[in-house]
Structures are given as C-alpha cells and as structure tokens.
Amino acid sequence: MFAGTDRTDITPAYSVWLDGMIRDHKSEGVHDPIYAHTVVISNDKDANDCMAIVSLDVCVIGTPSVDKAKELITQKTGIFHDRVIIAATHSHSGPAAFGIFQEMEEGYVNELIGLIAGSVAKAKANIRPAAISCCSGREETISHYRRFTDVNGNIVMYWEQDPTEGRIKVLGKPDPEVGVMKVVDPDTNDPICVLFNHAGHPNVMSGDNYMISSDYTGAAARIVGEKLGCEAIFVNGAQGSVDMDNWRFRDWAAVEILGGRLADAVIAACKGSEASKSTQIKFAKTGYILPRRQVTDQEIAWADEVLKQTGGSFAAVADGVGDDYKATFYKKIRNLQGQDIRINQIAFSIGDTAFISFPGELFTEIGLKIKARSPFKHTYIIGLANGYVGYVPTREAIGQGGYEVETRHVDENAAQAIEDMSIKLLETCHAS
C-alpha cells in the first residue's frame, strides 16, 4: 500500500457570499482558514492504481465545477475522474462554491478548481509506503434528528422550536457511527493520515455569521491532526435529516466544543486498530437517472400569490427559509421539469470496509438502510460528493412535508432507487 497527503489553503483573500443560509451581504473577515484536505491511496508506488479523496471546507460544490476539477486533475496527475471523490464538508460559513441561495462566486470557484487539482498533484507527489486500517466509533451528542411534530401534528424543524417547548414526537433517529480510515507508516506505525466520517450539519455559526469558517468539523480535523501528528480529513455522511443543537450551540466556543467531541470519538476509534500494508483497494462506479420532482399547479398558484407580494426577492434568515424563497424555488423547479437528474456514485473498499459517494444530502435513514443492506461489515456514505442534487427525503417524509421536502429537486421514488443502486454498486465492489 502507498499513500500521500496534502493540505492546501482555499481561503479567499476577498469578501464573498457565504453558502448554506440566506444572508443579506458578503463575508466580513476570516475566523479560521479553510482548506482542501487530500489523500491519495494506491495499490502501487506510482499511483497508477489509486483513489484520490478531496475534502473541501465549503457548503456544497456543483457537478460542473467538479467535472472541471477532475479534468484538470487528470491532466496534472493522470488520475482518472472515476478514481476521484471531491466532497464538501457542508460548512454553512464557507464561500458560495455552488450558490444555493446567493449567486455562485464564479471567480472564487475558478481559483478553487486549480487549487483542488494542485492539492491532488501534491498528494500524489508525496506518496510513500503505507499501511491502512479501518475502524468504527460513536459520537452520540452532536447530531440530533431534526424533524418533529408539535402538539397540533405539524412538522417542526429543530431550529423552529426549543425541544423543551411542546414537541411530542421525534420522527427519526440520527446515525452516531464514526467511520475512520487510518493510514500509518508501515515501519514506525506513526500516523500519516486519518480520514473520518460522521453525519452532521456544520452550521453552529448560522445565517447571522459573516466570518469565513470551517465550523465544528474543521475544528475536529484540526484537533485530530494536532493530537495525532498527521493530516486529518473529515467527510460528511447521510446528514439530510439531522442537525446540531441550535438552541445551546451558537457561538465560536461551541464550534470548539463540538469539534472536540468529534475529535475525541475519532481518536478513541483509532486506538487498538491494526494497520495492514498488504490490503488492496478495490473500486467500482455507477451512473443512473432520477426523475425530477413535479411541482403541482396548486403549488405554482400559491407561489404566484407570494411573488405578487415579494417581487421575487427574499429576506435573510438565520435558519431555514421563508415562503418568499419557497415561491421562487417552486417556479425554478417548474421551469426545470422534463430535465432528469444524473447521479454518479463511486465506491472503494479496504478489506471489510467500504466508502460510497453520493452527490447530495441523503436523509439519515436512507444511509442507515444502505449500511444495513451492504455486503461489507462496515459501510460509510460520503455525502455532498462529486456534485449536488439537494435533499433526498424518504417517501414517508415527503408525505409528511417540512423544510427539506419543500426544497427538494427529486421525486418521491428517489430514495428507494438510490438505496437499490447503492447496494448494487457495493456488491460490484465486493465481488471485484
């Protein structure tokens, strides 16, 4: 086995729109630098048979930007696009590399594409003999299932009402598993890299924050790296239906608290794991089409009434979205009807552990079903990877309604199709 790492600063040197929340102006300074964290793991010393994983401290990155970055990566390194995973951590205080609510920062994204390719090139140049182990831990205090019903049976999101004030039913459960891939020097056992996976929403610093930050997941990577003396890389999971505690953790101190908790879970998982230098990486890929959500005539009529009042503008909010945004979103989706959604996924495995990418925000229960059906002992979803198709709720959740359901692009059949196609991909990887 061989591995190489790199960490490249991707902090913009100028004010930018921040993604993840509706804000009314651009960034005001930098609280902490943001990075592209990269690891290249290979079956051969020349990295001809390898996988590159890049983690970006941004909210999301779109498929066209990923494609351009992969094309440049191939030019610089020879690593083909289906051996590269470029994943966003989902920090809600990162530059608008996609533009969910604001316009995408095109100038920044053009710079970012070059920085991503450069980071992969440096990681490949740093390749060295390595041994790899995968292990599992738990962190049960950061992520909470964020969909509830109130006393009147209405769907309530975690940030809309304090959990001590009348919530009567939690509609699901989080995934507390922490997946870890530890890469070490085969002679000294010193850590080279720790890649860790946990399903969470890095929005401690929400829409009323205007400073660039990697949020608590970036703090976790920094702490793990400092304590273990290696590169530490966070990749998110199936986090579409979980959130952090919006009522107790809303400041920079909380970023460090939650980052410390996640880091402790990662370090605990690493203890006692035995790395192997003879393990081979296996790879598989798939692509398929999902139908786009059909916006009803009733929804369009409602949107038209709202737009008469707003004129198409929408107000800044600390969390979630208002009717003003939803109205413009419905009109946008109606204009896209007939345009199917392309999904590409990559899986790679190391021994009895597999990682599988998905380009969006899967509800956590979908991720748990994929894990349960997988042929591997341990399976970890790398969400927000190689593009962005938005939220993927379960069919049950779509029947209930709520924030993610109202702002989705996919139809009600998407969850089952993704689950089934993910299992086929994992079975292909297992059999290879």
Protein backbone atom coordinates (compact mmCIF):
# COMPACT_ATOMS: atom_id res chain seq x y z
CA MET A 1 0.00 0.00 0.00
CA PHE A 2 1.05 3.59 -0.64
CA ALA A 3 -0.39 6.95 0.38
CA GLY A 4 0.27 10.66 0.06
CA THR A 5 -1.45 13.68 1.60
CA ASP A 6 -1.75 17.41 1.16
CA ARG A 7 -3.49 20.33 2.80
CA THR A 8 -4.00 23.44 0.66
CA ASP A 9 -5.41 26.73 1.94
CA ILE A 10 -8.52 27.67 -0.08
CA THR A 11 -9.49 30.76 1.95
CA PRO A 12 -10.48 33.63 -0.38
CA ALA A 13 -8.45 36.82 0.03
CA TYR A 14 -11.54 38.96 -0.53
CA SER A 15 -15.16 39.23 0.57
CA VAL A 16 -17.51 36.55 -0.82
CA TRP A 17 -21.05 35.37 -0.48
CA LEU A 18 -21.33 32.53 2.04
CA ASP A 19 -23.43 29.45 1.23
CA GLY A 20 -25.86 27.48 3.38
CA MET A 21 -28.09 30.28 4.69
CA ILE A 22 -29.87 33.29 3.20
CA ARG A 23 -27.64 36.26 4.06
CA ASP A 24 -28.05 39.90 3.10
CA HIS A 25 -24.41 40.75 2.42
CA LYS A 26 -21.00 39.20 1.78
CA SER A 27 -18.43 37.91 4.26
CA GLU A 28 -16.69 40.11 6.81
CA GLY A 29 -13.30 38.58 7.51
CA VAL A 30 -11.96 35.14 8.33
CA HIS A 31 -12.39 33.41 11.67
CA ASP A 32 -10.33 30.36 10.68
CA PRO A 33 -8.71 29.34 7.37
CA ILE A 34 -10.49 26.82 5.19
CA TYR A 35 -8.72 24.01 3.35
CA ALA A 36 -8.72 21.36 0.69
CA HIS A 37 -7.59 18.23 2.55
CA THR A 38 -6.42 15.48 0.20
CA VAL A 39 -5.29 11.88 0.47
CA VAL A 40 -4.21 9.62 -2.39
CA ILE A 41 -4.20 5.92 -1.55
CA SER A 42 -2.73 3.49 -4.05
CA ASN A 43 -2.08 -0.16 -4.74
CA ASP A 44 1.20 0.75 -6.48
CA LYS A 45 4.04 3.19 -5.77
CA ASP A 46 3.50 5.15 -8.99
CA ALA A 47 -0.14 5.83 -8.07
CA ASN A 48 -1.46 4.37 -11.30
CA ASP A 49 -3.99 2.26 -9.40
CA CYS A 50 -5.23 4.73 -6.85
CA MET A 51 -8.06 6.71 -5.32
CA ALA A 52 -7.92 10.43 -4.52
CA ILE A 53 -10.26 11.86 -1.86
CA VAL A 54 -10.50 15.63 -1.51
CA SER A 55 -12.44 17.28 1.32
CA LEU A 56 -13.36 20.95 0.88
CA ASP A 57 -14.40 23.29 3.68
CA VAL A 58 -17.34 24.64 1.67
CA CYS A 59 -21.08 24.04 1.92
CA VAL A 60 -21.52 22.34 -1.48
CA ILE A 61 -19.83 22.18 -4.85
CA GLY A 62 -21.70 21.66 -8.11
CA THR A 63 -21.24 18.95 -10.71
CA PRO A 64 -19.89 21.28 -13.46
CA SER A 65 -17.18 22.56 -11.09
CA VAL A 66 -16.31 19.01 -10.05
CA ASP A 67 -16.05 17.93 -13.68
CA LYS A 68 -13.66 20.80 -14.46
CA ALA A 69 -11.55 19.99 -11.40
CA LYS A 70 -11.39 16.30 -12.36
CA GLU A 71 -10.38 17.15 -15.92
CA LEU A 72 -7.53 19.27 -14.57
CA ILE A 73 -6.57 16.55 -12.09
CA THR A 74 -6.26 14.05 -14.93
CA GLN A 75 -4.09 16.49 -16.89
CA LYS A 76 -1.80 17.10 -13.92
CA THR A 77 -1.62 13.61 -12.43
CA GLY A 78 -3.04 11.00 -14.81
CA ILE A 79 -5.64 10.02 -12.20
CA PHE A 80 -8.93 9.39 -13.98
CA HIS A 81 -12.22 11.03 -12.97
CA ASP A 82 -13.79 7.81 -11.68
CA ARG A 83 -10.97 7.47 -9.13
CA VAL A 84 -11.56 10.92 -7.58
CA ILE A 85 -14.03 11.92 -4.88
CA ILE A 86 -14.36 15.65 -4.24
CA ALA A 87 -16.58 16.19 -1.21
CA ALA A 88 -17.82 19.29 0.60
CA THR A 89 -17.83 19.25 4.39
CA HIS A 90 -21.05 21.33 4.33
CA SER A 91 -19.82 24.21 6.46
CA HIS A 92 -22.50 26.90 6.36
CA SER A 93 -19.79 29.54 6.70
CA GLY A 94 -17.87 28.67 3.54
CA PRO A 95 -17.74 30.55 0.22
CA ALA A 96 -20.62 30.10 -2.22
CA ALA A 97 -18.97 27.46 -4.38
CA PHE A 98 -22.43 26.45 -5.63
CA GLY A 99 -24.86 29.25 -4.81
CA ILE A 100 -27.83 27.63 -3.06
CA PHE A 101 -29.38 30.95 -2.06
CA GLN A 102 -26.95 33.57 -3.33
CA GLU A 103 -25.15 33.65 -6.66
CA MET A 104 -22.20 31.30 -7.04
CA GLU A 105 -18.85 33.06 -6.59
CA GLU A 106 -17.58 32.25 -10.09
CA GLY A 107 -14.19 33.93 -9.68
CA TYR A 108 -13.55 32.06 -6.46
CA VAL A 109 -14.70 28.75 -7.96
CA ASN A 110 -12.30 29.19 -10.89
CA GLU A 111 -9.48 29.62 -8.38
CA LEU A 112 -10.77 26.69 -6.32
CA ILE A 113 -10.69 24.32 -9.30
CA GLY A 114 -6.97 24.98 -9.75
CA LEU A 115 -6.33 24.62 -6.02
CA ILE A 116 -8.12 21.25 -5.92
CA ALA A 117 -6.08 19.88 -8.83
CA GLY A 118 -2.90 21.26 -7.30
CA SER A 119 -3.67 19.60 -3.97
CA VAL A 120 -4.17 16.19 -5.62
CA ALA A 121 -0.92 16.65 -7.56
CA LYS A 122 0.97 17.44 -4.35
CA ALA A 123 -0.58 14.49 -2.53
CA LYS A 124 0.43 12.18 -5.36
CA ALA A 125 3.97 13.61 -5.30
CA ASN A 126 4.10 12.90 -1.56
CA ILE A 127 3.19 9.22 -1.97
CA ARG A 128 5.08 6.80 0.27
CA PRO A 129 4.75 3.24 1.61
CA ALA A 130 1.80 2.95 3.96
CA ALA A 131 -0.35 0.57 5.95
CA ILE A 132 -4.09 1.10 6.32
CA SER A 133 -6.74 0.10 8.83
CA CYS A 134 -10.41 0.98 9.11
CA CYS A 135 -12.29 1.19 12.36
CA SER A 136 -15.60 2.33 13.80
CA GLY A 137 -16.51 4.57 16.72
CA ARG A 138 -19.53 6.52 18.01
CA GLU A 139 -20.42 10.13 18.76
CA GLU A 140 -23.96 10.48 20.08
CA THR A 141 -24.16 14.08 21.34
CA ILE A 142 -23.57 16.27 18.26
CA SER A 143 -26.19 15.22 15.71
CA HIS A 144 -29.92 15.11 16.53
CA TYR A 145 -32.79 14.08 14.31
CA ARG A 146 -34.25 17.44 13.37
CA ARG A 147 -37.82 16.66 12.30
CA PHE A 148 -40.57 16.66 14.93
CA THR A 149 -44.33 17.01 15.19
CA ASP A 150 -45.73 19.66 17.50
CA VAL A 151 -48.84 19.40 19.70
CA ASN A 152 -51.01 20.16 16.67
CA GLY A 153 -49.39 17.49 14.49
CA ASN A 154 -47.44 19.95 12.35
CA ILE A 155 -43.93 19.21 11.11
CA VAL A 156 -41.43 21.28 13.11
CA MET A 157 -37.72 21.61 12.42
CA TYR A 158 -35.23 21.58 15.29
CA TRP A 159 -34.38 25.28 14.89
CA GLU A 160 -38.03 26.39 14.82
CA GLN A 161 -38.94 25.46 18.37
CA ASP A 162 -36.98 24.73 21.52
CA PRO A 163 -37.13 20.97 22.22
CA THR A 164 -38.40 21.63 25.77
CA GLU A 165 -41.45 23.53 24.49
CA GLY A 166 -44.08 21.08 23.37
CA ARG A 167 -42.54 18.72 20.84
CA ILE A 168 -44.34 15.43 21.10
CA LYS A 169 -42.72 13.09 18.59
CA VAL A 170 -39.29 12.77 17.00
CA LEU A 171 -39.76 11.38 13.51
CA GLY A 172 -36.47 9.51 13.15
CA LYS A 173 -33.07 8.87 14.61
CA PRO A 174 -29.54 10.07 13.88
CA ASP A 175 -26.61 7.90 12.86
CA PRO A 176 -23.98 8.16 15.61
CA GLU A 177 -21.36 6.00 13.88
CA VAL A 178 -17.92 7.46 13.25
CA GLY A 179 -16.06 5.73 10.42
CA VAL A 180 -12.28 6.03 10.38
CA MET A 181 -9.61 5.13 7.84
CA LYS A 182 -6.19 5.34 9.48
CA VAL A 183 -3.06 5.46 7.30
CA VAL A 184 0.28 4.86 9.01
CA ASP A 185 3.96 4.41 8.26
CA PRO A 186 4.43 0.62 7.91
CA ASP A 187 7.76 0.63 9.78
CA THR A 188 7.12 3.06 12.65
CA ASN A 189 3.30 2.89 12.85
CA ASP A 190 3.29 6.70 13.01
CA PRO A 191 0.07 8.17 11.57
CA ILE A 192 0.23 9.67 8.10
CA CYS A 193 -3.45 10.44 7.71
CA VAL A 194 -6.79 9.89 9.42
CA LEU A 195 -9.92 10.19 7.27
CA PHE A 196 -13.08 10.27 9.37
CA ASN A 197 -16.79 10.20 8.55
CA HIS A 198 -19.80 11.31 10.59
CA ALA A 199 -23.27 12.51 9.59
CA GLY A 200 -23.79 16.08 10.78
CA HIS A 201 -24.76 19.63 9.87
CA PRO A 202 -21.84 22.05 10.40
CA ASN A 203 -23.92 25.17 11.00
CA VAL A 204 -23.08 26.17 14.54
CA MET A 205 -22.37 29.60 13.05
CA SER A 206 -25.59 30.17 11.18
CA GLY A 207 -27.03 32.88 8.92
CA ASP A 208 -26.21 35.71 11.30
CA ASN A 209 -22.49 34.94 10.97
CA TYR A 210 -20.46 36.67 8.25
CA MET A 211 -16.99 35.31 9.00
CA ILE A 212 -15.49 32.51 6.91
CA SER A 213 -15.06 29.32 8.92
CA SER A 214 -14.85 25.55 8.58
CA ASP A 215 -17.21 25.27 11.60
CA TYR A 216 -17.02 22.36 14.06
CA THR A 217 -15.93 19.73 11.52
CA GLY A 218 -12.91 21.86 10.65
CA ALA A 219 -12.15 22.23 14.35
CA ALA A 220 -12.37 18.45 14.69
CA ALA A 221 -9.90 17.92 11.82
CA ARG A 222 -7.50 20.45 13.34
CA ILE A 223 -7.66 18.82 16.79
CA VAL A 224 -7.22 15.28 15.44
CA GLY A 225 -4.28 16.43 13.32
CA GLU A 226 -2.61 18.18 16.25
CA LYS A 227 -3.08 15.29 18.69
CA LEU A 228 -2.05 12.51 16.30
CA GLY A 229 0.57 14.48 14.36
CA CYS A 230 -0.85 13.75 10.91
CA GLU A 231 -3.19 15.03 8.22
CA ALA A 232 -6.83 14.72 9.34
CA ILE A 233 -9.66 14.75 6.81
CA PHE A 234 -13.39 14.98 7.53
CA VAL A 235 -16.01 13.69 5.07
CA ASN A 236 -19.71 14.06 5.83
CA GLY A 237 -22.29 11.29 5.77
CA ALA A 238 -26.02 10.93 5.12
CA GLN A 239 -26.89 14.09 7.04
CA GLY A 240 -30.02 15.41 5.35
CA SER A 241 -32.32 14.88 8.33
CA VAL A 242 -30.01 15.64 11.27
CA ASP A 243 -28.72 18.84 12.82
CA MET A 244 -26.75 20.09 15.80
CA ASP A 245 -28.44 21.59 18.86
CA ASN A 246 -29.37 25.04 17.57
CA TRP A 247 -30.54 26.18 20.99
CA ARG A 248 -27.37 25.54 23.03
CA PHE A 249 -24.55 25.76 20.49
CA ARG A 250 -24.49 29.05 18.60
CA ASP A 251 -21.09 30.70 19.11
CA TRP A 252 -17.38 30.22 18.46
CA ALA A 253 -16.90 28.45 21.79
CA ALA A 254 -19.48 25.88 20.67
CA VAL A 255 -17.53 25.29 17.46
CA GLU A 256 -14.60 24.17 19.60
CA ILE A 257 -16.77 22.14 21.97
CA LEU A 258 -18.45 20.10 19.24
CA GLY A 259 -15.20 19.82 17.28
CA GLY A 260 -13.52 18.47 20.40
CA ARG A 261 -16.24 15.89 20.94
CA LEU A 262 -15.96 14.60 17.37
CA ALA A 263 -12.16 14.58 17.58
CA ASP A 264 -12.27 12.58 20.81
CA ALA A 265 -14.50 9.97 19.15
CA VAL A 266 -12.13 9.70 16.19
CA ILE A 267 -9.05 9.32 18.39
CA ALA A 268 -10.79 6.72 20.56
CA ALA A 269 -11.73 4.72 17.46
CA CYS A 270 -8.13 4.77 16.26
CA LYS A 271 -6.78 3.15 19.41
CA GLY A 272 -6.01 -0.52 19.00
CA SER A 273 -6.67 -0.69 15.27
CA GLU A 274 -4.06 -2.74 13.43
CA ALA A 275 -2.97 -1.43 10.04
CA SER A 276 -2.06 -3.73 7.15
CA LYS A 277 0.32 -2.90 4.32
CA SER A 278 -0.87 -5.82 2.18
CA THR A 279 -4.50 -4.69 1.88
CA GLN A 280 -5.66 -3.86 -1.64
CA ILE A 281 -8.07 -1.09 -2.55
CA LYS A 282 -10.99 -2.11 -4.76
CA PHE A 283 -13.05 0.29 -6.85
CA ALA A 284 -16.43 0.47 -8.58
CA LYS A 285 -18.64 3.15 -10.15
CA THR A 286 -22.18 3.58 -11.38
CA GLY A 287 -24.38 6.16 -13.06
CA TYR A 288 -28.15 6.42 -13.41
CA ILE A 289 -31.04 8.83 -13.88
CA LEU A 290 -33.58 10.10 -11.35
CA PRO A 291 -36.80 11.82 -12.44
CA ARG A 292 -37.17 15.40 -11.26
CA ARG A 293 -39.87 16.38 -8.80
CA GLN A 294 -43.15 17.54 -10.33
CA VAL A 295 -44.34 20.84 -8.86
CA THR A 296 -48.14 20.86 -8.75
CA ASP A 297 -50.41 23.51 -10.24
CA GLN A 298 -51.62 24.24 -6.72
CA GLU A 299 -48.05 24.91 -5.57
CA ILE A 300 -47.47 27.21 -8.55
CA ALA A 301 -50.68 29.13 -7.83
CA TRP A 302 -49.54 29.60 -4.23
CA ALA A 303 -46.10 30.72 -5.43
CA ASP A 304 -47.64 33.26 -7.81
CA GLU A 305 -49.61 34.81 -4.96
CA VAL A 306 -46.49 35.08 -2.80
CA LEU A 307 -44.45 36.55 -5.66
CA LYS A 308 -47.06 39.27 -6.16
CA GLN A 309 -46.09 40.49 -2.70
CA THR A 310 -42.33 39.92 -2.84
CA GLY A 311 -41.49 40.65 -6.45
CA GLY A 312 -39.10 37.68 -6.39
CA SER A 313 -36.85 38.88 -3.57
CA PHE A 314 -36.41 37.00 -0.30
CA ALA A 315 -35.25 38.11 3.12
CA ALA A 316 -32.18 36.98 5.03
CA VAL A 317 -32.89 34.47 7.81
CA ALA A 318 -30.68 32.80 10.40
CA ASP A 319 -32.09 29.31 9.72
CA GLY A 320 -34.27 27.63 7.12
CA VAL A 321 -36.19 29.59 4.50
CA GLY A 322 -39.37 31.64 4.32
CA ASP A 323 -42.32 31.50 1.94
CA ASP A 324 -40.61 34.19 -0.15
CA TYR A 325 -37.78 31.80 -1.00
CA LYS A 326 -40.01 28.75 -1.45
CA ALA A 327 -42.12 30.60 -4.00
CA THR A 328 -39.11 31.39 -6.18
CA PHE A 329 -37.88 27.81 -5.74
CA TYR A 330 -41.17 26.31 -6.93
CA LYS A 331 -41.07 28.43 -10.07
CA LYS A 332 -37.48 27.38 -10.71
CA ILE A 333 -38.32 23.67 -10.38
CA ARG A 334 -41.34 24.06 -12.68
CA ASN A 335 -39.03 25.52 -15.34
CA LEU A 336 -36.71 22.51 -14.98
CA GLN A 337 -39.42 19.88 -15.37
CA GLY A 338 -38.59 17.31 -18.01
CA GLN A 339 -34.88 17.57 -17.24
CA ASP A 340 -33.89 14.37 -15.42
CA ILE A 341 -31.22 14.34 -12.73
CA ARG A 342 -27.99 12.44 -13.41
CA ILE A 343 -26.47 10.60 -10.46
CA ASN A 344 -22.88 9.30 -10.41
CA GLN A 345 -21.52 7.30 -7.49
CA ILE A 346 -18.11 5.85 -6.68
CA ALA A 347 -17.33 3.13 -4.16
CA PHE A 348 -13.99 1.92 -2.86
CA SER A 349 -13.23 -0.71 -0.28
CA ILE A 350 -10.38 -1.64 2.01
CA GLY A 351 -10.79 -5.10 3.49
CA ASP A 352 -14.23 -5.40 5.09
CA THR A 353 -14.92 -1.65 4.93
CA ALA A 354 -16.41 0.32 2.04
CA PHE A 355 -16.92 4.01 1.33
CA ILE A 356 -19.56 5.13 -1.17
CA SER A 357 -20.12 8.63 -2.51
CA PHE A 358 -23.40 10.45 -3.08
CA PRO A 359 -23.84 13.93 -4.63
CA GLY A 360 -26.30 15.43 -2.17
CA GLU A 361 -27.97 15.29 1.23
CA LEU A 362 -29.45 11.86 1.84
CA PHE A 363 -31.83 11.56 4.76
CA THR A 364 -30.03 9.70 7.53
CA GLU A 365 -32.49 6.79 7.46
CA ILE A 366 -31.57 6.15 3.82
CA GLY A 367 -27.91 5.96 4.82
CA LEU A 368 -28.76 3.54 7.63
CA LYS A 369 -30.64 1.28 5.20
CA ILE A 370 -27.67 1.25 2.80
CA LYS A 371 -25.38 0.32 5.69
CA ALA A 372 -27.72 -2.46 6.82
CA ARG A 373 -28.00 -4.00 3.33
CA SER A 374 -24.33 -3.62 2.36
CA PRO A 375 -22.24 -6.77 1.82
CA PHE A 376 -19.42 -5.13 3.79
CA LYS A 377 -19.06 -5.29 7.57
CA HIS A 378 -18.74 -1.51 7.68
CA THR A 379 -20.04 0.95 5.08
CA TYR A 380 -19.74 4.72 5.15
CA ILE A 381 -21.56 7.18 2.92
CA ILE A 382 -19.52 10.17 1.73
CA GLY A 383 -22.27 12.72 1.17
CA LEU A 384 -22.13 16.00 -0.75
CA ALA A 385 -19.56 14.36 -3.03
CA ASN A 386 -18.90 14.94 -6.75
CA GLY A 387 -21.78 17.35 -7.20
CA TYR A 388 -25.02 18.42 -5.59
CA VAL A 389 -28.65 17.40 -6.20
CA GLY A 390 -30.02 18.76 -2.92
CA TYR A 391 -32.03 16.90 -0.30
CA VAL A 392 -33.21 13.32 -0.77
CA PRO A 393 -36.06 12.66 1.70
CA THR A 394 -37.75 9.31 2.26
CA ARG A 395 -41.14 8.66 0.69
CA GLU A 396 -42.64 8.78 4.20
CA ALA A 397 -41.11 12.21 4.88
CA ILE A 398 -42.44 13.55 1.57
CA GLY A 399 -45.92 12.57 2.75
CA GLN A 400 -45.33 14.49 5.98
CA GLY A 401 -43.88 17.69 4.49
CA GLY A 402 -41.39 20.07 6.05
CA TYR A 403 -38.36 22.14 5.05
CA GLU A 404 -36.30 19.52 3.17
CA VAL A 405 -39.37 18.14 1.39
CA GLU A 406 -40.43 21.59 0.19
CA THR A 407 -36.93 22.45 -1.10
CA ARG A 408 -36.07 19.15 -2.83
CA HIS A 409 -35.38 18.52 -6.53
CA VAL A 410 -36.02 14.75 -6.63
CA ASP A 411 -39.34 12.91 -6.78
CA GLU A 412 -40.85 10.52 -4.24
CA ASN A 413 -39.22 7.44 -5.81
CA ALA A 414 -35.67 8.71 -5.44
CA ALA A 415 -34.87 7.27 -2.01
CA GLN A 416 -35.64 3.66 -2.98
CA ALA A 417 -33.84 3.97 -6.31
CA ILE A 418 -30.72 5.38 -4.66
CA GLU A 419 -30.75 2.70 -1.99
CA ASP A 420 -31.06 -0.09 -4.56
CA MET A 421 -28.41 1.34 -6.90
CA SER A 422 -26.02 1.92 -3.99
CA ILE A 423 -26.35 -1.71 -2.93
CA LYS A 424 -25.68 -2.93 -6.48
CA LEU A 425 -22.57 -0.73 -6.57
CA LEU A 426 -21.34 -2.05 -3.23
CA GLU A 427 -21.97 -5.64 -4.36
CA THR A 428 -19.93 -4.97 -7.51
CA CYS A 429 -17.09 -3.56 -5.41
CA HIS A 430 -17.31 -6.53 -3.02
CA ALA A 431 -17.11 -9.05 -5.87
CA SER A 432 -14.22 -7.37 -7.70
